[in-house]
Amino acid sequence: MASINKTLNISADGEHFSVLQDSLKNIPKAPGLYRPHLENGNPEINVPGWGIAMIQKKGWAYLVRFEMNN
């Protein structure tokens, strides 16, 4: 997943991206969704509606949780 130019893009293979949402405001920088289905032995296949992103202010970078509402 990547955030570029007020859009949120997604790629299954990490190479070919498509727009998931556009015309967004206050989008997360360097977003990453929490994906429990990638953990060992977790049968969950639904992607939950949250992840982490980065905020940069005054030379510092912070990780923050963000929510995705469908």
C-alpha atoms as a PDB file:
ATOM      1  CA  MET A   1       0.000   0.000   0.000  1.00  0.00           C
ATOM      2  CA  ALA A   2       1.291   3.484  -0.788  1.00  0.00           C
ATOM      3  CA  SER A   3      -0.039   7.025  -0.445  1.00  0.00           C
ATOM      4  CA  ILE A   4       0.693   9.261  -3.410  1.00  0.00           C
ATOM      5  CA  ASN A   5      -0.891  12.562  -4.478  1.00  0.00           C
ATOM      6  CA  LYS A   6      -4.050  12.443  -2.305  1.00  0.00           C
ATOM      7  CA  THR A   7      -4.694   8.839  -3.348  1.00  0.00           C
ATOM      8  CA  LEU A   8      -4.307   5.536  -1.572  1.00  0.00           C
ATOM      9  CA  ASN A   9      -2.815   2.852  -3.818  1.00  0.00           C
ATOM     10  CA  ILE A  10      -2.500  -0.883  -3.290  1.00  0.00           C
ATOM     11  CA  SER A  11      -0.418  -3.612  -4.887  1.00  0.00           C
ATOM     12  CA  ALA A  12      -0.675  -7.359  -4.375  1.00  0.00           C
ATOM     13  CA  ASP A  13       2.785  -7.960  -5.853  1.00  0.00           C
ATOM     14  CA  GLY A  14       4.548  -4.775  -4.660  1.00  0.00           C
ATOM     15  CA  GLU A  15       5.151  -3.672  -8.230  1.00  0.00           C
ATOM     16  CA  HIS A  16       1.843  -2.995 -10.006  1.00  0.00           C
ATOM     17  CA  PHE A  17      -0.272  -0.465  -8.080  1.00  0.00           C
ATOM     18  CA  SER A  18      -3.907   0.515  -8.531  1.00  0.00           C
ATOM     19  CA  VAL A  19      -5.904   3.311  -6.881  1.00  0.00           C
ATOM     20  CA  LEU A  20      -7.894   2.155  -3.870  1.00  0.00           C
ATOM     21  CA  GLN A  21      -9.260   5.613  -2.904  1.00  0.00           C
ATOM     22  CA  ASP A  22      -8.766   9.081  -4.384  1.00  0.00           C
ATOM     23  CA  SER A  23      -9.360  12.752  -3.479  1.00  0.00           C
ATOM     24  CA  LEU A  24      -8.416  12.043   0.143  1.00  0.00           C
ATOM     25  CA  LYS A  25      -7.612  14.598   2.817  1.00  0.00           C
ATOM     26  CA  ASN A  26      -5.205  14.074   5.723  1.00  0.00           C
ATOM     27  CA  ILE A  27      -3.903  10.798   4.333  1.00  0.00           C
ATOM     28  CA  PRO A  28      -1.315   8.779   6.251  1.00  0.00           C
ATOM     29  CA  LYS A  29       2.294   8.848   5.039  1.00  0.00           C
ATOM     30  CA  ALA A  30       3.939   5.472   4.407  1.00  0.00           C
ATOM     31  CA  PRO A  31       0.839   3.527   5.499  1.00  0.00           C
ATOM     32  CA  GLY A  32       0.920  -0.139   6.339  1.00  0.00           C
ATOM     33  CA  LEU A  33      -2.142  -2.230   7.177  1.00  0.00           C
ATOM     34  CA  TYR A  34      -2.116  -4.714  10.034  1.00  0.00           C
ATOM     35  CA  ARG A  35      -2.475  -8.115   8.346  1.00  0.00           C
ATOM     36  CA  PRO A  36      -3.001 -10.892  10.894  1.00  0.00           C
ATOM     37  CA  HIS A  37      -3.505 -13.466   8.136  1.00  0.00           C
ATOM     38  CA  LEU A  38       0.265 -13.342   7.517  1.00  0.00           C
ATOM     39  CA  GLU A  39       1.043 -14.512  11.055  1.00  0.00           C
ATOM     40  CA  ASN A  40       1.777 -18.199  11.602  1.00  0.00           C
ATOM     41  CA  GLY A  41      -1.331 -20.271  12.174  1.00  0.00           C
ATOM     42  CA  ASN A  42      -3.822 -17.382  12.029  1.00  0.00           C
ATOM     43  CA  PRO A  43      -6.833 -18.443   9.920  1.00  0.00           C
ATOM     44  CA  GLU A  44      -8.183 -14.858   9.646  1.00  0.00           C
ATOM     45  CA  ILE A  45      -8.416 -13.785   5.984  1.00  0.00           C
ATOM     46  CA  ASN A  46     -10.179 -10.414   6.321  1.00  0.00           C
ATOM     47  CA  VAL A  47      -7.971  -7.356   6.354  1.00  0.00           C
ATOM     48  CA  PRO A  48      -8.847  -5.253   9.414  1.00  0.00           C
ATOM     49  CA  GLY A  49      -9.494  -1.538   9.161  1.00  0.00           C
ATOM     50  CA  TRP A  50      -6.373  -0.212  10.849  1.00  0.00           C
ATOM     51  CA  GLY A  51      -2.650   0.146  10.346  1.00  0.00           C
ATOM     52  CA  ILE A  52       0.353   2.304  11.148  1.00  0.00           C
ATOM     53  CA  ALA A  53       1.746   5.320   9.350  1.00  0.00           C
ATOM     54  CA  MET A  54       4.513   7.883   9.770  1.00  0.00           C
ATOM     55  CA  ILE A  55       4.321  11.537  10.782  1.00  0.00           C
ATOM     56  CA  GLN A  56       7.339  13.819  10.390  1.00  0.00           C
ATOM     57  CA  LYS A  57       7.568  17.049  12.367  1.00  0.00           C
ATOM     58  CA  LYS A  58      10.540  19.274  13.182  1.00  0.00           C
ATOM     59  CA  GLY A  59      13.136  16.669  12.219  1.00  0.00           C
ATOM     60  CA  TRP A  60      11.464  13.827  14.149  1.00  0.00           C
ATOM     61  CA  ALA A  61       9.510  10.873  12.772  1.00  0.00           C
ATOM     62  CA  TYR A  62       6.715   9.135  14.677  1.00  0.00           C
ATOM     63  CA  LEU A  63       4.632   6.034  14.038  1.00  0.00           C
ATOM     64  CA  VAL A  64       0.881   6.511  14.511  1.00  0.00           C
ATOM     65  CA  ARG A  65      -2.119   4.219  14.268  1.00  0.00           C
ATOM     66  CA  PHE A  66      -4.735   5.059  11.642  1.00  0.00           C
ATOM     67  CA  GLU A  67      -8.245   3.737  11.081  1.00  0.00           C
ATOM     68  CA  MET A  68      -9.820   2.888   7.740  1.00  0.00           C
ATOM     69  CA  ASN A  69     -13.583   3.277   7.600  1.00  0.00           C
ATOM     70  CA  ASN A  70     -15.402   1.526   4.783  1.00  0.00           C
END
